[in-house]
Amino acid sequence: MSRAAEVRFERVWKRFGAGNVAVRDVSFTVPAGTLCTLLGPSGCGKTTTLRMIAGLEYPSEGRVLIGGRDVSALPPAERDVSMVFQSYALFPHMTVLENVCYGLTVSRRPKREAMGAGRAALESVGLAGFEARLPSELSGGQQQRVAVARALVLEPSVLLFDEPLSNLDARLRRKMREEIRDLQQRLGVTVVYVTHDQAEALAISDKIIVMNQAVIAQEGTPRELYASPASAFVAGFVGEANRIPARLRRLDDVDAEVSIGEARLVLPHRGLPDGPAELALRPEAIALLGPADPAAMLEGAVSKAAYLGGVIEYTVATPLGEIFVVSSSAGSAPGAGDAVGLSFGRHGAALLPGSREAP
């Protein structure tokens, strides 16, 4: 395997015709040997960004660097990267081993050497013994692993994934994302991974870059983005979040007293001044209590309840609007129309910078 390489964008723009900006003045760094996810809704620019790393698109302005080398104008074959596509793009008439070795054979690598490298790549993804099968004889998850092995056999310094799990069912997606993460950590390769699935991004990433409307909305570790979203968009896209009107009063250089109706919380003020603000409150950070419980900070009534096995999802009507709550399904559970109390904790609550909605 080649040494992992850093990927860096420096003020990159990508335009498609007049007025169609797909990527707007984007700068970021993916450290060598890490897994970075580009996360965002359809049309946000994440796939175009990935394709500019691969050399399938060229920047209109700015620079793309891989391992410190400016590759902005280089074709894909000269970038030392491999890409796993959403469709897997396997040749149906070729065996698994022939598919994996295809890139080596077209580059005129000796057949025996190519076949040996292909078998080693298949073993690395857990498919030793599948060499003679055709793609049609494999499950979706196995086809995905063949596509990964085909990319790995080229020994790239950067491995790119474009929505690789979108064709799989939910249970297999979970298994395959764990396998991709284990493989990346075992080989130490740099991975840039595109998805619109927030759970997928949180589960596998060292770093997440959230994109929206052609720009970076926020970047950081999964924990940083989840605990301290920089905007209402990030709060709602990286996990679920209730947006609740609040009012804050600074206590010192770090913390503020945050009023939510009659309730009070002490939270980092994140640079916001005294006055109206907006709070992002994670559903799992809200405790569902009895209506007469003295610990209740807010009263409401259950308008919807959905049993999901290990948890129950509630929509609770309150004087501050509807609040989404996720609670353990253990024990007795209120139903639609039941009065409840809600309690909020410091963990899972964050003020949203830039918010100025009055409570």
Protein backbone atom coordinates (compact mmCIF):
# COMPACT_ATOMS: atom_id res chain seq x y z
CA MET A 1 0.00 0.00 0.00
CA SER A 2 1.27 3.47 -0.86
CA ARG A 3 1.86 5.99 1.87
CA ALA A 4 -1.32 7.83 2.78
CA ALA A 5 -1.46 11.39 1.46
CA GLU A 6 -2.99 14.61 2.72
CA VAL A 7 -5.76 16.14 0.59
CA ARG A 8 -6.08 19.92 0.58
CA PHE A 9 -8.45 22.33 -1.17
CA GLU A 10 -7.39 25.98 -1.44
CA ARG A 11 -10.21 28.38 -2.31
CA VAL A 12 -11.71 26.05 -4.90
CA TRP A 13 -14.61 27.06 -7.14
CA LYS A 14 -16.44 24.90 -9.66
CA ARG A 15 -18.83 26.44 -12.18
CA PHE A 16 -20.95 24.67 -14.76
CA GLY A 17 -21.95 27.35 -17.23
CA ALA A 18 -23.06 30.86 -16.41
CA GLY A 19 -24.57 31.25 -12.97
CA ASN A 20 -24.36 27.56 -11.97
CA VAL A 21 -21.89 27.40 -9.08
CA ALA A 22 -21.52 23.85 -7.72
CA VAL A 23 -18.67 24.60 -5.29
CA ARG A 24 -18.05 28.11 -3.95
CA ASP A 25 -14.68 29.17 -2.50
CA VAL A 26 -14.13 25.92 -0.56
CA SER A 27 -11.00 25.29 1.53
CA PHE A 28 -10.30 22.30 3.76
CA THR A 29 -7.62 19.76 4.70
CA VAL A 30 -7.98 16.00 5.09
CA PRO A 31 -4.99 14.79 7.15
CA ALA A 32 -3.11 11.79 5.81
CA GLY A 33 -4.37 8.44 7.11
CA THR A 34 -7.78 9.70 8.23
CA LEU A 35 -11.35 9.06 7.07
CA CYS A 36 -13.16 12.27 6.18
CA THR A 37 -16.81 12.35 5.18
CA LEU A 38 -18.40 14.96 2.93
CA LEU A 39 -21.96 15.15 4.23
CA GLY A 40 -24.90 17.11 2.94
CA PRO A 41 -28.20 17.06 1.04
CA SER A 42 -28.51 16.38 -2.68
CA GLY A 43 -27.12 19.24 -4.76
CA CYS A 44 -24.92 20.69 -2.01
CA GLY A 45 -21.63 20.16 -3.91
CA LYS A 46 -20.21 17.14 -2.09
CA THR A 47 -20.03 14.79 -5.09
CA THR A 48 -18.54 17.53 -7.30
CA THR A 49 -15.91 18.07 -4.59
CA LEU A 50 -15.10 14.34 -4.58
CA ARG A 51 -14.88 14.28 -8.37
CA MET A 52 -12.39 17.14 -8.28
CA ILE A 53 -10.18 15.06 -5.98
CA ALA A 54 -10.47 12.15 -8.42
CA GLY A 55 -9.73 14.28 -11.47
CA LEU A 56 -13.13 13.62 -13.03
CA GLU A 57 -13.82 17.37 -12.76
CA TYR A 58 -11.36 20.26 -12.76
CA PRO A 59 -11.65 23.35 -10.56
CA SER A 60 -12.67 26.61 -12.21
CA GLU A 61 -10.52 28.46 -9.66
CA GLY A 62 -8.29 27.49 -6.76
CA ARG A 63 -6.01 24.51 -6.17
CA VAL A 64 -6.42 20.82 -5.30
CA LEU A 65 -3.34 19.30 -3.64
CA ILE A 66 -2.67 15.62 -2.86
CA GLY A 67 0.40 14.88 -0.78
CA GLY A 68 1.47 18.51 -1.17
CA ARG A 69 1.47 18.25 -4.99
CA ASP A 70 -0.80 20.48 -7.04
CA VAL A 71 -2.95 18.07 -9.07
CA SER A 72 -5.57 20.61 -10.17
CA ALA A 73 -4.90 20.08 -13.88
CA LEU A 74 -3.72 16.45 -13.81
CA PRO A 75 -5.81 13.59 -15.27
CA PRO A 76 -7.11 10.83 -12.94
CA ALA A 77 -4.32 8.37 -13.85
CA GLU A 78 -1.65 10.75 -12.53
CA ARG A 79 -3.22 11.46 -9.13
CA ASP A 80 -2.58 8.18 -7.24
CA VAL A 81 -6.23 7.90 -6.18
CA SER A 82 -8.86 5.17 -6.58
CA MET A 83 -12.62 5.57 -6.48
CA VAL A 84 -15.46 3.25 -5.43
CA PHE A 85 -18.61 4.28 -7.28
CA GLN A 86 -22.20 4.08 -6.09
CA SER A 87 -23.05 1.54 -8.81
CA TYR A 88 -19.87 -0.56 -8.12
CA ALA A 89 -19.39 -0.66 -11.97
CA LEU A 90 -18.32 -4.33 -12.08
CA PHE A 91 -17.94 -6.04 -15.45
CA PRO A 92 -20.67 -8.74 -15.53
CA HIS A 93 -18.77 -11.05 -17.94
CA MET A 94 -15.58 -11.06 -15.83
CA THR A 95 -14.89 -13.16 -12.76
CA VAL A 96 -14.36 -11.53 -9.40
CA LEU A 97 -10.58 -11.85 -9.71
CA GLU A 98 -10.59 -10.48 -13.26
CA ASN A 99 -12.63 -7.48 -12.10
CA VAL A 100 -10.22 -6.79 -9.26
CA CYS A 101 -7.15 -7.11 -11.50
CA TYR A 102 -8.57 -5.05 -14.37
CA GLY A 103 -6.73 -1.83 -13.48
CA LEU A 104 -3.43 -3.69 -13.22
CA THR A 105 -3.85 -5.59 -16.48
CA VAL A 106 -4.68 -2.49 -18.53
CA SER A 107 -1.53 -0.88 -17.12
CA ARG A 108 0.39 -3.91 -18.47
CA ARG A 109 1.38 -5.36 -15.10
CA PRO A 110 2.65 -8.97 -15.58
CA LYS A 111 -0.29 -11.37 -15.30
CA ARG A 112 1.13 -13.47 -12.48
CA GLU A 113 1.97 -10.36 -10.46
CA ALA A 114 -1.48 -8.86 -11.11
CA MET A 115 -3.28 -12.06 -10.09
CA GLY A 116 -1.25 -12.31 -6.89
CA ALA A 117 -2.05 -8.71 -5.98
CA GLY A 118 -5.73 -9.30 -6.79
CA ARG A 119 -5.93 -12.36 -4.51
CA ALA A 120 -4.28 -10.40 -1.70
CA ALA A 121 -6.78 -7.54 -2.15
CA LEU A 122 -9.71 -9.98 -2.06
CA GLU A 123 -8.34 -11.56 1.10
CA SER A 124 -8.07 -8.08 2.70
CA VAL A 125 -11.82 -7.54 2.18
CA GLY A 126 -12.80 -11.05 3.33
CA LEU A 127 -13.48 -12.57 -0.11
CA ALA A 128 -10.74 -15.19 -0.40
CA GLY A 129 -12.23 -18.15 -2.26
CA PHE A 130 -14.59 -16.02 -4.38
CA GLU A 131 -12.10 -15.45 -7.21
CA ALA A 132 -13.88 -17.56 -9.86
CA ARG A 133 -17.42 -16.29 -9.26
CA LEU A 134 -19.25 -13.82 -11.47
CA PRO A 135 -20.71 -10.58 -10.03
CA SER A 136 -24.23 -11.97 -10.61
CA GLU A 137 -23.44 -14.77 -8.15
CA LEU A 138 -22.65 -12.33 -5.34
CA SER A 139 -24.82 -10.46 -2.84
CA GLY A 140 -24.93 -6.67 -2.85
CA GLY A 141 -22.52 -6.49 0.06
CA GLN A 142 -20.09 -8.86 -1.63
CA GLN A 143 -20.21 -6.83 -4.86
CA GLN A 144 -19.43 -3.73 -2.84
CA ARG A 145 -16.38 -5.46 -1.34
CA VAL A 146 -15.19 -6.50 -4.80
CA ALA A 147 -15.38 -2.83 -5.84
CA VAL A 148 -13.31 -1.89 -2.77
CA ALA A 149 -10.73 -4.60 -3.54
CA ARG A 150 -10.47 -3.35 -7.13
CA ALA A 151 -9.69 0.13 -5.81
CA LEU A 152 -7.23 -1.14 -3.17
CA VAL A 153 -5.21 -3.30 -5.57
CA LEU A 154 -3.91 -0.13 -7.24
CA GLU A 155 -2.31 0.86 -3.91
CA PRO A 156 -3.65 4.44 -3.93
CA SER A 157 -2.55 7.13 -1.51
CA VAL A 158 -6.20 8.30 -1.37
CA LEU A 159 -9.31 6.12 -1.60
CA LEU A 160 -12.60 7.79 -2.59
CA PHE A 161 -16.13 6.52 -1.92
CA ASP A 162 -19.20 8.00 -3.65
CA GLU A 163 -22.36 6.94 -1.76
CA PRO A 164 -21.10 3.30 -1.73
CA LEU A 165 -23.83 1.88 0.53
CA SER A 166 -26.93 3.53 -0.92
CA ASN A 167 -27.95 0.37 -2.81
CA LEU A 168 -27.92 -1.84 0.31
CA ASP A 169 -30.62 -2.49 2.90
CA ALA A 170 -30.33 -0.90 6.34
CA ARG A 171 -28.86 -3.92 8.15
CA LEU A 172 -26.25 -4.56 5.48
CA ARG A 173 -25.37 -0.86 5.33
CA ARG A 174 -24.51 -0.95 9.02
CA LYS A 175 -22.30 -4.03 8.57
CA MET A 176 -20.54 -2.66 5.51
CA ARG A 177 -19.80 0.75 7.02
CA GLU A 178 -18.09 -1.04 9.93
CA GLU A 179 -16.04 -3.09 7.46
CA ILE A 180 -14.99 0.02 5.53
CA ARG A 181 -13.92 1.73 8.75
CA ASP A 182 -12.00 -1.34 9.95
CA LEU A 183 -10.26 -1.62 6.58
CA GLN A 184 -9.28 2.05 6.54
CA GLN A 185 -7.80 1.84 10.04
CA ARG A 186 -5.97 -1.42 9.29
CA LEU A 187 -4.38 -0.13 6.07
CA GLY A 188 -3.92 3.48 7.20
CA VAL A 189 -5.05 4.86 3.84
CA THR A 190 -6.58 8.34 3.47
CA VAL A 191 -10.31 8.02 2.70
CA VAL A 192 -12.70 10.72 1.48
CA TYR A 193 -16.26 9.44 1.71
CA VAL A 194 -19.43 11.03 0.34
CA THR A 195 -22.85 10.34 1.87
CA HIS A 196 -26.12 12.05 2.72
CA ASP A 197 -26.70 9.59 5.60
CA GLN A 198 -25.96 11.33 8.90
CA ALA A 199 -25.75 8.09 10.94
CA GLU A 200 -23.25 6.67 8.45
CA ALA A 201 -21.09 9.78 8.70
CA LEU A 202 -21.17 9.85 12.50
CA ALA A 203 -20.30 6.15 12.74
CA ILE A 204 -17.19 6.00 10.54
CA SER A 205 -15.56 9.42 10.35
CA ASP A 206 -12.51 11.00 11.94
CA LYS A 207 -13.69 14.27 10.44
CA ILE A 208 -16.94 15.43 8.85
CA ILE A 209 -17.30 18.32 6.41
CA VAL A 210 -20.95 19.40 6.20
CA MET A 211 -21.80 21.12 2.93
CA ASN A 212 -24.86 23.16 2.01
CA GLN A 213 -25.57 25.23 -1.09
CA ALA A 214 -22.04 24.84 -2.50
CA VAL A 215 -20.18 25.96 0.64
CA ILE A 216 -18.92 24.37 3.86
CA ALA A 217 -21.45 24.86 6.65
CA GLN A 218 -19.16 23.38 9.34
CA GLU A 219 -16.32 20.90 9.73
CA GLY A 220 -15.04 19.00 12.73
CA THR A 221 -15.14 15.66 14.51
CA PRO A 222 -18.48 13.85 14.77
CA ARG A 223 -18.69 14.76 18.45
CA GLU A 224 -17.94 18.44 17.79
CA LEU A 225 -20.61 18.75 15.12
CA TYR A 226 -23.22 16.89 17.15
CA ALA A 227 -22.57 18.70 20.44
CA SER A 228 -21.82 22.18 19.07
CA PRO A 229 -23.57 22.78 15.73
CA ALA A 230 -22.65 26.10 14.15
CA SER A 231 -26.09 26.71 12.65
CA ALA A 232 -29.67 25.52 12.60
CA PHE A 233 -28.93 23.69 9.34
CA VAL A 234 -26.07 21.68 10.86
CA ALA A 235 -28.08 20.96 14.01
CA GLY A 236 -30.91 19.53 11.94
CA PHE A 237 -28.75 17.64 9.46
CA VAL A 238 -26.27 16.03 11.86
CA GLY A 239 -28.81 14.14 13.94
CA GLU A 240 -32.27 15.28 15.03
CA ALA A 241 -32.64 18.59 16.85
CA ASN A 242 -35.51 20.60 18.31
CA ARG A 243 -35.10 24.31 17.63
CA ILE A 244 -36.52 26.12 20.65
CA PRO A 245 -36.75 29.89 21.23
CA ALA A 246 -34.84 30.98 24.33
CA ARG A 247 -33.33 33.99 26.04
CA LEU A 248 -29.81 34.16 27.43
CA ARG A 249 -28.01 36.18 30.07
CA ARG A 250 -24.24 35.97 30.23
CA LEU A 251 -22.79 34.84 33.55
CA ASP A 252 -19.07 35.05 32.68
CA ASP A 253 -16.67 34.68 29.75
CA VAL A 254 -17.92 31.15 29.01
CA ASP A 255 -21.39 30.42 30.34
CA ALA A 256 -24.83 31.97 30.20
CA GLU A 257 -28.13 31.35 31.92
CA VAL A 258 -30.56 30.22 29.22
CA SER A 259 -34.29 30.62 29.82
CA ILE A 260 -36.70 28.25 28.05
CA GLY A 261 -40.10 29.41 29.18
CA GLU A 262 -39.88 29.08 32.97
CA ALA A 263 -36.97 26.61 32.79
CA ARG A 264 -33.34 27.63 33.31
CA LEU A 265 -30.16 26.00 31.99
CA VAL A 266 -26.52 27.03 32.22
CA LEU A 267 -24.78 26.57 28.85
CA PRO A 268 -21.77 27.97 26.96
CA HIS A 269 -22.93 31.22 25.35
CA ARG A 270 -20.73 30.62 22.24
CA GLY A 271 -20.18 34.35 21.75
CA LEU A 272 -23.85 35.29 21.69
CA PRO A 273 -24.89 38.54 23.42
CA ASP A 274 -27.63 38.83 26.02
CA GLY A 275 -31.14 38.63 24.63
CA PRO A 276 -33.19 36.41 22.31
CA ALA A 277 -31.54 33.26 20.99
CA GLU A 278 -32.33 29.83 19.62
CA LEU A 279 -31.51 26.55 21.32
CA ALA A 280 -30.84 23.20 19.63
CA LEU A 281 -32.07 20.42 21.89
CA ARG A 282 -31.41 16.79 21.01
CA PRO A 283 -34.45 14.47 21.38
CA GLU A 284 -32.57 11.93 23.49
CA ALA A 285 -31.49 14.71 25.90
CA ILE A 286 -35.08 15.35 26.99
CA ALA A 287 -36.50 13.35 29.89
CA LEU A 288 -40.18 12.43 29.74
CA LEU A 289 -41.77 12.74 33.19
CA GLY A 290 -45.18 12.50 34.79
CA PRO A 291 -47.28 15.69 34.60
CA ALA A 292 -47.02 16.28 38.34
CA ASP A 293 -43.29 15.54 38.64
CA PRO A 294 -41.56 18.46 40.44
CA ALA A 295 -38.50 18.01 38.18
CA ALA A 296 -40.55 18.88 35.07
CA MET A 297 -39.42 22.12 33.42
CA LEU A 298 -42.17 22.23 30.83
CA GLU A 299 -45.65 20.74 30.60
CA GLY A 300 -47.23 19.30 27.49
CA ALA A 301 -49.36 16.55 25.99
CA VAL A 302 -48.37 13.65 23.76
CA SER A 303 -49.73 14.18 20.26
CA LYS A 304 -47.96 11.22 18.61
CA ALA A 305 -46.15 8.11 19.83
CA ALA A 306 -44.28 5.60 17.64
CA TYR A 307 -42.95 2.33 19.09
CA LEU A 308 -39.62 1.35 17.46
CA GLY A 309 -38.59 -1.58 19.63
CA GLY A 310 -35.80 -0.30 21.86
CA VAL A 311 -37.12 3.27 21.89
CA ILE A 312 -40.35 5.20 21.51
CA GLU A 313 -40.50 8.43 19.53
CA TYR A 314 -42.87 11.07 20.90
CA THR A 315 -44.16 14.35 19.57
CA VAL A 316 -45.19 16.50 22.52
CA ALA A 317 -47.32 19.62 22.13
CA THR A 318 -46.08 22.38 24.49
CA PRO A 319 -46.56 26.15 24.88
CA LEU A 320 -43.23 26.52 23.01
CA GLY A 321 -44.40 24.39 20.06
CA GLU A 322 -44.06 20.71 19.23
CA ILE A 323 -41.02 18.96 20.74
CA PHE A 324 -39.63 15.66 19.48
CA VAL A 325 -38.51 13.25 22.24
CA VAL A 326 -36.84 9.85 22.04
CA SER A 327 -37.26 7.70 25.15
CA SER A 328 -36.50 4.14 26.21
CA SER A 329 -39.43 1.78 25.69
CA ALA A 330 -38.81 0.08 29.05
CA GLY A 331 -41.67 0.30 31.55
CA SER A 332 -45.01 1.99 31.11
CA ALA A 333 -45.29 4.55 28.32
CA PRO A 334 -47.71 7.43 27.82
CA GLY A 335 -49.96 7.39 24.78
CA ALA A 336 -51.46 10.02 22.52
CA GLY A 337 -53.40 12.60 24.52
CA ASP A 338 -51.62 11.92 27.83
CA ALA A 339 -50.28 14.86 29.83
CA VAL A 340 -46.51 14.75 30.44
CA GLY A 341 -43.70 16.83 31.86
CA LEU A 342 -40.37 17.48 30.15
CA SER A 343 -36.97 18.01 31.71
CA PHE A 344 -33.87 19.25 29.85
CA GLY A 345 -30.24 18.53 30.65
CA ARG A 346 -27.06 20.46 29.81
CA HIS A 347 -25.81 17.55 27.73
CA GLY A 348 -27.45 17.57 24.30
CA ALA A 349 -28.35 21.28 24.40
CA ALA A 350 -26.46 23.98 22.49
CA LEU A 351 -27.11 27.61 21.60
CA LEU A 352 -27.07 28.28 17.87
CA PRO A 353 -24.73 31.13 16.84
CA GLY A 354 -26.41 33.74 14.69
CA SER A 355 -29.93 33.03 15.97
CA ARG A 356 -32.02 36.01 16.95
CA GLU A 357 -35.57 34.70 17.15
CA ALA A 358 -37.42 36.14 20.10
CA PRO A 359 -39.05 33.67 22.46
